[in-house]
Amino acid sequence: MRNRSTSNFTKAVDYLFHKAVSDRNKAELSLNLLMNNGVGIGDHSTGDFWSNLDEALDALVDAEDRLEVIEERFGRSEDEEEPPF
């Protein structure tokens, strides 16, 4: 599965990688808003707050797990990431 010469393979791995990075960033932002900024809480009950914290942490763990698998199985890591410009 490591045949990176296949364009479709490379595109698929890049998609999975960037989706995981994006999901991780989203989860980190959610946790930051909930824990460090009152705007993240709003008019929700404390039950909603705890539920939102759980969801954000679950999303972070999921994204980091996916990044680990992508690196282990396909050799794609953040160290390879090139600047967008």
Protein backbone atom coordinates (compact mmCIF):
# COMPACT_ATOMS: atom_id res chain seq x y z
CA MET A 1 0.00 0.00 0.00
CA ARG A 2 3.00 2.32 0.15
CA ASN A 3 3.29 2.75 -3.61
CA ARG A 4 3.28 6.54 -3.65
CA SER A 5 3.84 6.76 -7.39
CA THR A 6 0.10 6.38 -7.92
CA SER A 7 -1.41 9.83 -8.21
CA ASN A 8 -4.79 8.74 -6.85
CA PHE A 9 -3.12 7.07 -3.89
CA THR A 10 -1.16 10.22 -3.07
CA LYS A 11 -4.24 12.39 -3.40
CA ALA A 12 -6.24 10.08 -1.16
CA VAL A 13 -3.55 10.06 1.55
CA ASP A 14 -3.22 13.85 1.30
CA TYR A 15 -6.98 14.23 1.69
CA LEU A 16 -7.06 11.97 4.76
CA PHE A 17 -4.07 13.79 6.24
CA HIS A 18 -5.45 17.29 5.73
CA LYS A 19 -8.90 16.27 6.98
CA ALA A 20 -7.36 14.92 10.20
CA VAL A 21 -5.28 18.09 10.67
CA SER A 22 -8.36 20.24 10.10
CA ASP A 23 -10.42 18.18 12.54
CA ARG A 24 -7.65 18.44 15.14
CA ASN A 25 -7.50 22.22 14.75
CA LYS A 26 -11.27 22.44 15.08
CA ALA A 27 -11.22 20.35 18.26
CA GLU A 28 -8.38 22.38 19.78
CA LEU A 29 -10.22 25.62 19.05
CA SER A 30 -13.42 24.25 20.58
CA LEU A 31 -11.60 23.20 23.74
CA ASN A 32 -9.85 26.57 23.93
CA LEU A 33 -13.13 28.47 23.56
CA LEU A 34 -14.89 26.33 26.13
CA MET A 35 -12.12 26.46 28.72
CA ASN A 36 -10.65 29.94 28.24
CA ASN A 37 -13.31 32.15 26.75
CA GLY A 38 -16.80 32.88 28.07
CA VAL A 39 -18.16 33.11 24.54
CA GLY A 40 -17.69 29.36 24.22
CA ILE A 41 -20.21 28.72 26.98
CA GLY A 42 -22.99 31.16 26.11
CA ASP A 43 -26.43 30.50 27.60
CA HIS A 44 -26.00 26.74 27.81
CA SER A 45 -26.55 24.72 30.96
CA THR A 46 -23.63 23.11 32.74
CA GLY A 47 -24.80 19.80 31.29
CA ASP A 48 -24.32 21.21 27.80
CA PHE A 49 -20.93 22.54 28.83
CA TRP A 50 -19.69 19.12 30.01
CA SER A 51 -21.15 17.44 26.95
CA ASN A 52 -19.43 19.96 24.68
CA LEU A 53 -16.11 19.40 26.48
CA ASP A 54 -16.46 15.64 26.04
CA GLU A 55 -17.29 16.02 22.34
CA ALA A 56 -14.33 18.33 21.72
CA LEU A 57 -11.91 16.00 23.50
CA ASP A 58 -13.28 12.97 21.64
CA ALA A 59 -12.81 14.83 18.35
CA LEU A 60 -9.23 15.73 19.30
CA VAL A 61 -8.36 12.15 20.24
CA ASP A 62 -9.95 10.84 17.04
CA ALA A 63 -8.03 13.30 14.84
CA GLU A 64 -4.71 12.58 16.55
CA ASP A 65 -5.31 8.83 16.26
CA ARG A 66 -6.01 9.21 12.55
CA LEU A 67 -2.82 11.24 12.06
CA GLU A 68 -0.84 8.53 13.84
CA VAL A 69 -2.30 5.79 11.63
CA ILE A 70 -1.70 7.84 8.48
CA GLU A 71 1.95 8.28 9.45
CA GLU A 72 2.43 4.62 10.41
CA ARG A 73 0.63 3.10 7.42
CA PHE A 74 1.30 5.61 4.65
CA GLY A 75 4.41 7.48 5.77
CA ARG A 76 2.67 10.87 5.65
CA SER A 77 3.58 13.16 8.54
CA GLU A 78 3.44 16.78 9.49
CA ASP A 79 7.21 16.94 9.12
CA GLU A 80 6.65 16.70 5.35
CA GLU A 81 4.16 19.54 5.31
CA GLU A 82 5.11 22.28 2.91
CA PRO A 83 4.03 25.89 3.38
CA PRO A 84 0.96 26.81 1.31
CA PHE A 85 2.89 29.51 -0.55
